[in-house]
Amino acid sequence: MDLKNKITRLKQEKNAIILAHYYQRPEIQEIADYVGDSLGLSQKAADTDADIIVFAGVHFMAETAKILNPTKTVLLPDLKAGCSLADSCPPVSFKKFKEQHPDHYVVTYINCSAEIKAMSDVVCTSSNAVQIVDAIPKDRPIIFAPDRNLGKYVARKTRRELLLWDGACEVHEAFSIDKLLTLYREYPKAKIIVHPESDEHLLTIANFIGSTAQLIEYVKKYPENDYIVATEAGILHKMQEAVPNTLLIPAPAKDDNSCACSECAFMKVNTLEKIYDCLRHGAPEIKLPEAVMGPALLPIQRMLEQSK
């Protein structure tokens, strides 16, 4: 029996569900019960009746699923699947930062640790960040953390002054504007689509800016175009499935590497073998203290309620 069939059998035996992010390896996306962006994955985690959630993503995503499902078993195939953006906002430092601005409403991007969520008033994703900030009373000062690039984008879209934490995603900061413009000269009819975690100078030349799910929907809406896609290259798998006859070109990274695109090493540590092993052995399991899970739940619930 091949690995995919073994995983399918174990899922059925254990009443398990596999949730995968668009940045996962193609073979993992193919075995998943649901593939989506952070908002969609949070919604699925909140709604599932499975006993076990296998989260094919990174640590903060599995933590979010556990916060939403405190009585369920949440497994992460590899505990080393971290996040450079989440790591850029240490809880001890952020606590001091928040204490310096006690009158501020705290909006945190979902790409942060459970401890940071527990210090937040509301969580957002790149899909709904503008909507979440727009809903906050105009006279209320706002802290936005941890992604400064997304924060700047949201500030422009909402015309709000946001106090930004100085964090960033190393994957989305790895795109080379010079290489991208050179690539564009080769494909002058291509539309440039960009994730808002990217540097501001990339956003200024984009034809469309959106979350992973929004980028896919945009391409599906206009399949007649060619596209240069500036986000983690794993998105191309589902995107190409949606528009099989559309030319999709990954935006080039600053440093030369095997694929000349930007990939998240953390996302790629998960493999089919690790998914099979974690289902088989029930580990590694995500466990969080109640002192963190309780306070972190409310801001996540606020986000989900506002995103219906």
C-alpha atoms as a PDB file:
ATOM      1  CA  MET A   1       0.000   0.000   0.000  1.00  0.00           C
ATOM      2  CA  ASP A   2       1.474   3.390  -0.959  1.00  0.00           C
ATOM      3  CA  LEU A   3       1.898   6.212   1.520  1.00  0.00           C
ATOM      4  CA  LYS A   4      -1.130   8.214   0.368  1.00  0.00           C
ATOM      5  CA  ASN A   5      -3.397   5.185   0.803  1.00  0.00           C
ATOM      6  CA  LYS A   6      -1.929   4.495   4.239  1.00  0.00           C
ATOM      7  CA  ILE A   7      -2.624   8.090   5.267  1.00  0.00           C
ATOM      8  CA  THR A   8      -6.196   7.886   3.953  1.00  0.00           C
ATOM      9  CA  ARG A   9      -6.765   4.664   5.896  1.00  0.00           C
ATOM     10  CA  LEU A  10      -5.395   6.147   9.116  1.00  0.00           C
ATOM     11  CA  LYS A  11      -7.551   9.268   8.703  1.00  0.00           C
ATOM     12  CA  GLN A  12     -10.657   7.110   8.492  1.00  0.00           C
ATOM     13  CA  GLU A  13      -9.650   4.881  11.397  1.00  0.00           C
ATOM     14  CA  LYS A  14      -8.884   7.800  13.704  1.00  0.00           C
ATOM     15  CA  ASN A  15     -11.519  10.307  12.513  1.00  0.00           C
ATOM     16  CA  ALA A  16      -8.771  12.713  11.523  1.00  0.00           C
ATOM     17  CA  ILE A  17      -8.700  15.657   9.128  1.00  0.00           C
ATOM     18  CA  ILE A  18      -5.678  17.094   7.328  1.00  0.00           C
ATOM     19  CA  LEU A  19      -5.603  20.864   6.866  1.00  0.00           C
ATOM     20  CA  ALA A  20      -2.897  22.216   4.546  1.00  0.00           C
ATOM     21  CA  HIS A  21      -1.719  25.679   3.629  1.00  0.00           C
ATOM     22  CA  TYR A  22      -1.230  26.700  -0.007  1.00  0.00           C
ATOM     23  CA  TYR A  23       2.544  26.846   0.614  1.00  0.00           C
ATOM     24  CA  GLN A  24       2.846  23.133   1.396  1.00  0.00           C
ATOM     25  CA  ARG A  25       4.446  20.622  -0.969  1.00  0.00           C
ATOM     26  CA  PRO A  26       2.114  19.600  -3.846  1.00  0.00           C
ATOM     27  CA  GLU A  27       1.853  15.987  -2.660  1.00  0.00           C
ATOM     28  CA  ILE A  28       0.665  17.202   0.744  1.00  0.00           C
ATOM     29  CA  GLN A  29      -1.929  19.494  -0.797  1.00  0.00           C
ATOM     30  CA  GLU A  30      -3.216  16.534  -2.789  1.00  0.00           C
ATOM     31  CA  ILE A  31      -3.780  14.376   0.302  1.00  0.00           C
ATOM     32  CA  ALA A  32      -5.319  17.176   2.401  1.00  0.00           C
ATOM     33  CA  ASP A  33      -9.023  17.409   3.197  1.00  0.00           C
ATOM     34  CA  TYR A  34      -8.827  21.172   2.836  1.00  0.00           C
ATOM     35  CA  VAL A  35      -6.208  23.506   1.363  1.00  0.00           C
ATOM     36  CA  GLY A  36      -6.479  27.214   2.065  1.00  0.00           C
ATOM     37  CA  ASP A  37      -5.089  30.448   3.442  1.00  0.00           C
ATOM     38  CA  SER A  38      -4.907  31.326   7.132  1.00  0.00           C
ATOM     39  CA  LEU A  39      -8.488  32.595   7.315  1.00  0.00           C
ATOM     40  CA  GLY A  40      -9.966  29.586   5.528  1.00  0.00           C
ATOM     41  CA  LEU A  41      -7.890  27.194   7.611  1.00  0.00           C
ATOM     42  CA  SER A  42      -9.019  28.881  10.838  1.00  0.00           C
ATOM     43  CA  GLN A  43     -12.643  28.635   9.731  1.00  0.00           C
ATOM     44  CA  LYS A  44     -12.264  24.946   8.894  1.00  0.00           C
ATOM     45  CA  ALA A  45     -10.513  24.265  12.203  1.00  0.00           C
ATOM     46  CA  ALA A  46     -13.361  25.964  14.054  1.00  0.00           C
ATOM     47  CA  ASP A  47     -16.030  23.934  12.236  1.00  0.00           C
ATOM     48  CA  THR A  48     -14.551  20.434  12.086  1.00  0.00           C
ATOM     49  CA  ASP A  49     -16.081  17.479  13.928  1.00  0.00           C
ATOM     50  CA  ALA A  50     -12.917  15.409  13.537  1.00  0.00           C
ATOM     51  CA  ASP A  51     -11.239  14.077  16.687  1.00  0.00           C
ATOM     52  CA  ILE A  52      -7.740  14.741  15.327  1.00  0.00           C
ATOM     53  CA  ILE A  53      -6.515  17.707  13.301  1.00  0.00           C
ATOM     54  CA  VAL A  54      -3.268  17.225  11.403  1.00  0.00           C
ATOM     55  CA  PHE A  55      -2.036  20.674  10.483  1.00  0.00           C
ATOM     56  CA  ALA A  56       0.217  20.670   7.435  1.00  0.00           C
ATOM     57  CA  GLY A  57       1.478  24.184   7.895  1.00  0.00           C
ATOM     58  CA  VAL A  58       3.602  25.969  10.466  1.00  0.00           C
ATOM     59  CA  HIS A  59       3.544  26.188  14.235  1.00  0.00           C
ATOM     60  CA  PHE A  60       1.358  29.268  14.726  1.00  0.00           C
ATOM     61  CA  MET A  61      -1.328  27.734  12.472  1.00  0.00           C
ATOM     62  CA  ALA A  62      -1.453  24.544  14.529  1.00  0.00           C
ATOM     63  CA  GLU A  63      -1.578  26.643  17.709  1.00  0.00           C
ATOM     64  CA  THR A  64      -4.582  28.528  16.336  1.00  0.00           C
ATOM     65  CA  ALA A  65      -6.342  25.233  15.601  1.00  0.00           C
ATOM     66  CA  LYS A  66      -5.644  24.066  19.162  1.00  0.00           C
ATOM     67  CA  ILE A  67      -6.975  27.304  20.656  1.00  0.00           C
ATOM     68  CA  LEU A  68     -10.178  26.823  18.661  1.00  0.00           C
ATOM     69  CA  ASN A  69     -10.354  23.129  19.620  1.00  0.00           C
ATOM     70  CA  PRO A  70      -9.017  22.756  23.165  1.00  0.00           C
ATOM     71  CA  THR A  71     -10.454  19.253  23.601  1.00  0.00           C
ATOM     72  CA  LYS A  72      -9.236  17.892  20.257  1.00  0.00           C
ATOM     73  CA  THR A  73      -5.837  16.471  19.390  1.00  0.00           C
ATOM     74  CA  VAL A  74      -3.897  18.806  17.098  1.00  0.00           C
ATOM     75  CA  LEU A  75      -0.803  17.366  15.443  1.00  0.00           C
ATOM     76  CA  LEU A  76       1.992  19.183  13.612  1.00  0.00           C
ATOM     77  CA  PRO A  77       4.078  16.813  11.449  1.00  0.00           C
ATOM     78  CA  ASP A  78       7.319  18.598  12.355  1.00  0.00           C
ATOM     79  CA  LEU A  79       7.690  20.926  15.351  1.00  0.00           C
ATOM     80  CA  LYS A  80      10.529  22.682  13.500  1.00  0.00           C
ATOM     81  CA  ALA A  81       7.962  24.171  11.115  1.00  0.00           C
ATOM     82  CA  GLY A  82       8.270  27.666  12.513  1.00  0.00           C
ATOM     83  CA  CYS A  83       7.763  31.129  11.022  1.00  0.00           C
ATOM     84  CA  SER A  84      10.251  33.958  10.587  1.00  0.00           C
ATOM     85  CA  LEU A  85       7.471  36.525  10.982  1.00  0.00           C
ATOM     86  CA  ALA A  86       6.192  35.011  14.223  1.00  0.00           C
ATOM     87  CA  ASP A  87       9.778  34.813  15.489  1.00  0.00           C
ATOM     88  CA  SER A  88      10.218  38.554  14.812  1.00  0.00           C
ATOM     89  CA  CYS A  89       7.767  39.345  17.637  1.00  0.00           C
ATOM     90  CA  PRO A  90       8.989  37.865  20.936  1.00  0.00           C
ATOM     91  CA  PRO A  91       6.254  37.897  23.610  1.00  0.00           C
ATOM     92  CA  VAL A  92       8.424  39.519  26.295  1.00  0.00           C
ATOM     93  CA  SER A  93       9.360  42.408  24.004  1.00  0.00           C
ATOM     94  CA  PHE A  94       5.829  42.843  22.698  1.00  0.00           C
ATOM     95  CA  LYS A  95       4.420  42.924  26.246  1.00  0.00           C
ATOM     96  CA  LYS A  96       6.701  45.866  27.052  1.00  0.00           C
ATOM     97  CA  PHE A  97       5.743  47.565  23.776  1.00  0.00           C
ATOM     98  CA  LYS A  98       2.037  47.175  24.558  1.00  0.00           C
ATOM     99  CA  GLU A  99       2.503  48.487  28.100  1.00  0.00           C
ATOM    100  CA  GLN A 100       4.071  51.650  26.666  1.00  0.00           C
ATOM    101  CA  HIS A 101       0.830  52.302  24.732  1.00  0.00           C
ATOM    102  CA  PRO A 102      -1.965  51.235  27.108  1.00  0.00           C
ATOM    103  CA  ASP A 103      -4.687  53.166  25.262  1.00  0.00           C
ATOM    104  CA  HIS A 104      -4.084  51.369  21.950  1.00  0.00           C
ATOM    105  CA  TYR A 105      -6.354  48.678  20.479  1.00  0.00           C
ATOM    106  CA  VAL A 106      -4.142  45.725  19.558  1.00  0.00           C
ATOM    107  CA  VAL A 107      -4.616  44.115  16.138  1.00  0.00           C
ATOM    108  CA  THR A 108      -2.318  41.176  15.470  1.00  0.00           C
ATOM    109  CA  TYR A 109      -1.786  39.367  12.220  1.00  0.00           C
ATOM    110  CA  ILE A 110      -2.490  35.661  12.659  1.00  0.00           C
ATOM    111  CA  ASN A 111       1.186  34.935  11.833  1.00  0.00           C
ATOM    112  CA  CYS A 112       2.223  35.244  15.470  1.00  0.00           C
ATOM    113  CA  SER A 113       2.547  33.016  18.509  1.00  0.00           C
ATOM    114  CA  ALA A 114      -0.290  32.060  20.835  1.00  0.00           C
ATOM    115  CA  GLU A 115       1.274  34.282  23.497  1.00  0.00           C
ATOM    116  CA  ILE A 116       1.022  37.312  21.204  1.00  0.00           C
ATOM    117  CA  LYS A 117      -2.601  36.468  20.344  1.00  0.00           C
ATOM    118  CA  ALA A 118      -3.348  36.345  24.076  1.00  0.00           C
ATOM    119  CA  MET A 119      -2.209  39.986  24.327  1.00  0.00           C
ATOM    120  CA  SER A 120      -4.428  41.068  21.413  1.00  0.00           C
ATOM    121  CA  ASP A 121      -7.872  42.621  21.082  1.00  0.00           C
ATOM    122  CA  VAL A 122      -8.506  41.089  17.671  1.00  0.00           C
ATOM    123  CA  VAL A 123      -6.629  38.861  15.228  1.00  0.00           C
ATOM    124  CA  CYS A 124      -6.647  39.360  11.458  1.00  0.00           C
ATOM    125  CA  THR A 125      -5.357  37.659   8.325  1.00  0.00           C
ATOM    126  CA  SER A 126      -4.200  39.197   5.060  1.00  0.00           C
ATOM    127  CA  SER A 127      -7.673  38.397   3.689  1.00  0.00           C
ATOM    128  CA  ASN A 128      -9.527  40.490   6.242  1.00  0.00           C
ATOM    129  CA  ALA A 129      -7.003  42.915   7.796  1.00  0.00           C
ATOM    130  CA  VAL A 130      -8.486  45.968   6.041  1.00  0.00           C
ATOM    131  CA  GLN A 131     -12.005  44.955   7.069  1.00  0.00           C
ATOM    132  CA  ILE A 132     -10.934  44.353  10.699  1.00  0.00           C
ATOM    133  CA  VAL A 133      -9.173  47.727  11.023  1.00  0.00           C
ATOM    134  CA  ASP A 134     -12.023  49.556   9.292  1.00  0.00           C
ATOM    135  CA  ALA A 135     -14.407  48.269  11.971  1.00  0.00           C
ATOM    136  CA  ILE A 136     -12.439  49.869  14.833  1.00  0.00           C
ATOM    137  CA  PRO A 137     -13.763  53.264  15.995  1.00  0.00           C
ATOM    138  CA  LYS A 138     -11.910  56.105  14.259  1.00  0.00           C
ATOM    139  CA  ASP A 139     -10.895  57.751  17.513  1.00  0.00           C
ATOM    140  CA  ARG A 140      -9.197  54.602  18.860  1.00  0.00           C
ATOM    141  CA  PRO A 141      -5.406  54.415  18.377  1.00  0.00           C
ATOM    142  CA  ILE A 142      -4.231  51.071  17.015  1.00  0.00           C
ATOM    143  CA  ILE A 143      -1.177  48.876  17.389  1.00  0.00           C
ATOM    144  CA  PHE A 144      -0.689  46.593  14.383  1.00  0.00           C
ATOM    145  CA  ALA A 145       1.724  43.683  14.755  1.00  0.00           C
ATOM    146  CA  PRO A 146       3.868  41.914  13.801  1.00  0.00           C
ATOM    147  CA  ASP A 147       4.169  42.532  10.026  1.00  0.00           C
ATOM    148  CA  ARG A 148       5.235  46.072   9.148  1.00  0.00           C
ATOM    149  CA  ASN A 149       4.653  45.566   5.414  1.00  0.00           C
ATOM    150  CA  LEU A 150       1.077  44.367   5.853  1.00  0.00           C
ATOM    151  CA  GLY A 151       0.591  47.130   8.410  1.00  0.00           C
ATOM    152  CA  LYS A 152       1.710  49.814   5.961  1.00  0.00           C
ATOM    153  CA  TYR A 153      -0.597  48.388   3.306  1.00  0.00           C
ATOM    154  CA  VAL A 154      -3.561  48.342   5.708  1.00  0.00           C
ATOM    155  CA  ALA A 155      -2.789  51.902   6.842  1.00  0.00           C
ATOM    156  CA  ARG A 156      -2.897  53.119   3.244  1.00  0.00           C
ATOM    157  CA  LYS A 157      -6.110  51.253   2.441  1.00  0.00           C
ATOM    158  CA  THR A 158      -7.941  52.380   5.598  1.00  0.00           C
ATOM    159  CA  ARG A 159      -6.329  55.838   5.844  1.00  0.00           C
ATOM    160  CA  ARG A 160      -5.652  55.094   9.492  1.00  0.00           C
ATOM    161  CA  GLU A 161      -2.517  55.842  11.464  1.00  0.00           C
ATOM    162  CA  LEU A 162      -1.215  52.540  12.805  1.00  0.00           C
ATOM    163  CA  LEU A 163       1.553  52.051  15.327  1.00  0.00           C
ATOM    164  CA  LEU A 164       3.532  49.249  13.697  1.00  0.00           C
ATOM    165  CA  TRP A 165       5.637  46.525  15.231  1.00  0.00           C
ATOM    166  CA  ASP A 166       8.824  46.146  13.183  1.00  0.00           C
ATOM    167  CA  GLY A 167       8.483  42.528  12.032  1.00  0.00           C
ATOM    168  CA  ALA A 168       8.574  40.914   8.601  1.00  0.00           C
ATOM    169  CA  CYS A 169       8.402  37.640   6.695  1.00  0.00           C
ATOM    170  CA  GLU A 170      11.796  36.699   5.269  1.00  0.00           C
ATOM    171  CA  VAL A 171      10.138  34.906   2.332  1.00  0.00           C
ATOM    172  CA  HIS A 172       8.168  37.932   1.161  1.00  0.00           C
ATOM    173  CA  GLU A 173      11.114  40.248   1.736  1.00  0.00           C
ATOM    174  CA  ALA A 174      13.285  38.002  -0.446  1.00  0.00           C
ATOM    175  CA  PHE A 175      11.812  39.140  -3.761  1.00  0.00           C
ATOM    176  CA  SER A 176      14.131  41.143  -5.985  1.00  0.00           C
ATOM    177  CA  ILE A 177      12.537  44.205  -7.578  1.00  0.00           C
ATOM    178  CA  ASP A 178      15.361  44.393 -10.137  1.00  0.00           C
ATOM    179  CA  LYS A 179      15.007  40.752 -11.155  1.00  0.00           C
ATOM    180  CA  LEU A 180      11.239  41.098 -11.244  1.00  0.00           C
ATOM    181  CA  LEU A 181      11.427  44.079 -13.603  1.00  0.00           C
ATOM    182  CA  THR A 182      13.875  42.170 -15.795  1.00  0.00           C
ATOM    183  CA  LEU A 183      11.429  39.262 -15.855  1.00  0.00           C
ATOM    184  CA  TYR A 184       8.602  41.649 -16.694  1.00  0.00           C
ATOM    185  CA  ARG A 185      10.532  42.875 -19.724  1.00  0.00           C
ATOM    186  CA  GLU A 186      10.535  39.260 -20.948  1.00  0.00           C
ATOM    187  CA  TYR A 187       6.779  38.996 -20.346  1.00  0.00           C
ATOM    188  CA  PRO A 188       5.474  42.558 -20.851  1.00  0.00           C
ATOM    189  CA  LYS A 189       1.858  41.443 -21.061  1.00  0.00           C
ATOM    190  CA  ALA A 190       1.964  39.650 -17.715  1.00  0.00           C
ATOM    191  CA  LYS A 191       0.070  40.974 -14.709  1.00  0.00           C
ATOM    192  CA  ILE A 192       2.059  41.265 -11.490  1.00  0.00           C
ATOM    193  CA  ILE A 193       0.174  39.945  -8.457  1.00  0.00           C
ATOM    194  CA  VAL A 194       1.646  40.371  -4.995  1.00  0.00           C
ATOM    195  CA  HIS A 195       0.997  39.327  -1.396  1.00  0.00           C
ATOM    196  CA  PRO A 196       0.775  42.326   0.994  1.00  0.00           C
ATOM    197  CA  GLU A 197       3.538  40.929   3.214  1.00  0.00           C
ATOM    198  CA  SER A 198       5.952  41.965   0.447  1.00  0.00           C
ATOM    199  CA  ASP A 199       8.090  45.113   0.488  1.00  0.00           C
ATOM    200  CA  GLU A 200       6.339  48.359  -0.354  1.00  0.00           C
ATOM    201  CA  HIS A 201       8.209  48.853  -3.630  1.00  0.00           C
ATOM    202  CA  LEU A 202       6.755  45.568  -4.910  1.00  0.00           C
ATOM    203  CA  LEU A 203       3.252  46.662  -3.979  1.00  0.00           C
ATOM    204  CA  THR A 204       3.645  49.892  -5.943  1.00  0.00           C
ATOM    205  CA  ILE A 205       4.149  48.015  -9.231  1.00  0.00           C
ATOM    206  CA  ALA A 206       1.499  45.347  -8.601  1.00  0.00           C
ATOM    207  CA  ASN A 207      -1.606  44.996 -10.729  1.00  0.00           C
ATOM    208  CA  PHE A 208      -3.311  43.229  -7.836  1.00  0.00           C
ATOM    209  CA  ILE A 209      -2.513  42.789  -4.128  1.00  0.00           C
ATOM    210  CA  GLY A 210      -4.138  40.062  -2.068  1.00  0.00           C
ATOM    211  CA  SER A 211      -3.907  37.100   0.271  1.00  0.00           C
ATOM    212  CA  THR A 212      -3.104  33.683  -1.139  1.00  0.00           C
ATOM    213  CA  ALA A 213      -6.787  32.847  -1.564  1.00  0.00           C
ATOM    214  CA  GLN A 214      -7.489  36.257  -3.108  1.00  0.00           C
ATOM    215  CA  LEU A 215      -4.609  35.840  -5.568  1.00  0.00           C
ATOM    216  CA  ILE A 216      -6.032  32.520  -6.720  1.00  0.00           C
ATOM    217  CA  GLU A 217      -9.524  33.981  -7.088  1.00  0.00           C
ATOM    218  CA  TYR A 218      -8.145  36.898  -9.116  1.00  0.00           C
ATOM    219  CA  VAL A 219      -6.350  34.589 -11.527  1.00  0.00           C
ATOM    220  CA  LYS A 220      -9.495  32.441 -11.867  1.00  0.00           C
ATOM    221  CA  LYS A 221     -11.471  35.575 -12.696  1.00  0.00           C
ATOM    222  CA  TYR A 222      -9.047  36.628 -15.450  1.00  0.00           C
ATOM    223  CA  PRO A 223      -7.515  33.377 -16.772  1.00  0.00           C
ATOM    224  CA  GLU A 224      -6.725  34.945 -20.150  1.00  0.00           C
ATOM    225  CA  ASN A 225      -3.786  36.873 -18.660  1.00  0.00           C
ATOM    226  CA  ASP A 226      -0.232  35.740 -17.931  1.00  0.00           C
ATOM    227  CA  TYR A 227       0.909  36.303 -14.333  1.00  0.00           C
ATOM    228  CA  ILE A 228       4.066  36.968 -12.386  1.00  0.00           C
ATOM    229  CA  VAL A 229       3.231  35.736  -8.892  1.00  0.00           C
ATOM    230  CA  ALA A 230       4.994  37.317  -5.898  1.00  0.00           C
ATOM    231  CA  THR A 231       4.312  35.062  -2.953  1.00  0.00           C
ATOM    232  CA  GLU A 232       5.694  31.726  -1.748  1.00  0.00           C
ATOM    233  CA  ALA A 233       5.987  29.441  -4.768  1.00  0.00           C
ATOM    234  CA  GLY A 234       3.879  26.667  -3.224  1.00  0.00           C
ATOM    235  CA  ILE A 235       0.760  28.602  -4.240  1.00  0.00           C
ATOM    236  CA  LEU A 236       1.425  27.766  -7.887  1.00  0.00           C
ATOM    237  CA  HIS A 237       0.200  24.187  -7.436  1.00  0.00           C
ATOM    238  CA  LYS A 238      -3.425  25.027  -6.647  1.00  0.00           C
ATOM    239  CA  MET A 239      -3.339  28.127  -8.815  1.00  0.00           C
ATOM    240  CA  GLN A 240      -2.271  26.143 -11.874  1.00  0.00           C
ATOM    241  CA  GLU A 241      -4.937  23.532 -11.158  1.00  0.00           C
ATOM    242  CA  ALA A 242      -7.516  26.323 -11.217  1.00  0.00           C
ATOM    243  CA  VAL A 243      -6.217  27.830 -14.486  1.00  0.00           C
ATOM    244  CA  PRO A 244      -4.408  25.008 -16.363  1.00  0.00           C
ATOM    245  CA  ASN A 245      -3.957  27.026 -19.552  1.00  0.00           C
ATOM    246  CA  THR A 246      -2.633  30.182 -17.896  1.00  0.00           C
ATOM    247  CA  LEU A 247       1.080  31.021 -17.774  1.00  0.00           C
ATOM    248  CA  LEU A 248       2.137  31.445 -14.135  1.00  0.00           C
ATOM    249  CA  ILE A 249       5.658  32.676 -13.417  1.00  0.00           C
ATOM    250  CA  PRO A 250       7.076  32.760  -9.867  1.00  0.00           C
ATOM    251  CA  ALA A 251       8.599  36.113  -8.948  1.00  0.00           C
ATOM    252  CA  PRO A 252      12.393  35.868  -8.601  1.00  0.00           C
ATOM    253  CA  ALA A 253      14.195  35.978  -5.281  1.00  0.00           C
ATOM    254  CA  LYS A 254      17.202  38.185  -4.512  1.00  0.00           C
ATOM    255  CA  ASP A 255      19.505  35.241  -3.900  1.00  0.00           C
ATOM    256  CA  ASP A 256      20.123  32.577  -6.501  1.00  0.00           C
ATOM    257  CA  ASN A 257      18.694  29.198  -5.549  1.00  0.00           C
ATOM    258  CA  SER A 258      17.514  26.026  -7.191  1.00  0.00           C
ATOM    259  CA  CYS A 259      14.146  27.342  -8.327  1.00  0.00           C
ATOM    260  CA  ALA A 260      15.062  31.063  -8.557  1.00  0.00           C
ATOM    261  CA  CYS A 261      11.848  31.780  -6.625  1.00  0.00           C
ATOM    262  CA  SER A 262      11.050  32.455  -2.986  1.00  0.00           C
ATOM    263  CA  GLU A 263      10.256  29.394  -0.880  1.00  0.00           C
ATOM    264  CA  CYS A 264       9.579  29.050   2.841  1.00  0.00           C
ATOM    265  CA  ALA A 265      11.950  26.478   4.298  1.00  0.00           C
ATOM    266  CA  PHE A 266       9.672  26.129   7.333  1.00  0.00           C
ATOM    267  CA  MET A 267       6.665  25.207   5.186  1.00  0.00           C
ATOM    268  CA  LYS A 268       8.705  22.640   3.303  1.00  0.00           C
ATOM    269  CA  VAL A 269       9.886  20.651   6.340  1.00  0.00           C
ATOM    270  CA  ASN A 270       6.554  18.797   6.330  1.00  0.00           C
ATOM    271  CA  THR A 271       6.504  15.645   4.190  1.00  0.00           C
ATOM    272  CA  LEU A 272       4.086  12.806   3.472  1.00  0.00           C
ATOM    273  CA  GLU A 273       6.256  10.533   5.602  1.00  0.00           C
ATOM    274  CA  LYS A 274       5.982  12.889   8.581  1.00  0.00           C
ATOM    275  CA  ILE A 275       2.215  13.187   8.124  1.00  0.00           C
ATOM    276  CA  TYR A 276       1.927   9.392   8.126  1.00  0.00           C
ATOM    277  CA  ASP A 277       4.149   9.097  11.201  1.00  0.00           C
ATOM    278  CA  CYS A 278       2.301  11.747  13.183  1.00  0.00           C
ATOM    279  CA  LEU A 279      -1.057  10.122  12.391  1.00  0.00           C
ATOM    280  CA  ARG A 280       0.287   6.704  13.292  1.00  0.00           C
ATOM    281  CA  HIS A 281       1.879   7.735  16.589  1.00  0.00           C
ATOM    282  CA  GLY A 282      -0.326  10.694  17.588  1.00  0.00           C
ATOM    283  CA  ALA A 283       2.664  12.982  17.865  1.00  0.00           C
ATOM    284  CA  PRO A 284       4.062  15.641  17.789  1.00  0.00           C
ATOM    285  CA  GLU A 285       1.003  17.094  19.545  1.00  0.00           C
ATOM    286  CA  ILE A 286       0.407  20.801  20.078  1.00  0.00           C
ATOM    287  CA  LYS A 287      -0.195  21.589  23.740  1.00  0.00           C
ATOM    288  CA  LEU A 288      -0.715  25.054  25.170  1.00  0.00           C
ATOM    289  CA  PRO A 289      -1.308  26.268  28.744  1.00  0.00           C
ATOM    290  CA  GLU A 290      -4.863  27.310  29.566  1.00  0.00           C
ATOM    291  CA  ALA A 291      -3.485  30.662  30.741  1.00  0.00           C
ATOM    292  CA  VAL A 292      -2.591  31.328  27.097  1.00  0.00           C
ATOM    293  CA  MET A 293      -5.422  29.528  25.299  1.00  0.00           C
ATOM    294  CA  GLY A 294      -8.214  31.271  27.179  1.00  0.00           C
ATOM    295  CA  PRO A 295      -7.118  34.865  26.462  1.00  0.00           C
ATOM    296  CA  ALA A 296      -6.067  33.980  22.881  1.00  0.00           C
ATOM    297  CA  LEU A 297      -9.475  32.549  21.976  1.00  0.00           C
ATOM    298  CA  LEU A 298     -11.477  35.781  22.195  1.00  0.00           C
ATOM    299  CA  PRO A 299      -9.493  37.799  19.601  1.00  0.00           C
ATOM    300  CA  ILE A 300      -9.616  34.837  17.194  1.00  0.00           C
ATOM    301  CA  GLN A 301     -13.366  34.493  17.709  1.00  0.00           C
ATOM    302  CA  ARG A 302     -13.786  38.214  17.063  1.00  0.00           C
ATOM    303  CA  MET A 303     -11.974  37.796  13.748  1.00  0.00           C
ATOM    304  CA  LEU A 304     -14.087  34.821  12.713  1.00  0.00           C
ATOM    305  CA  GLU A 305     -17.296  36.618  13.637  1.00  0.00           C
ATOM    306  CA  GLN A 306     -16.336  39.706  11.641  1.00  0.00           C
ATOM    307  CA  SER A 307     -15.344  37.564   8.650  1.00  0.00           C
ATOM    308  CA  LYS A 308     -18.663  35.742   8.171  1.00  0.00           C
END
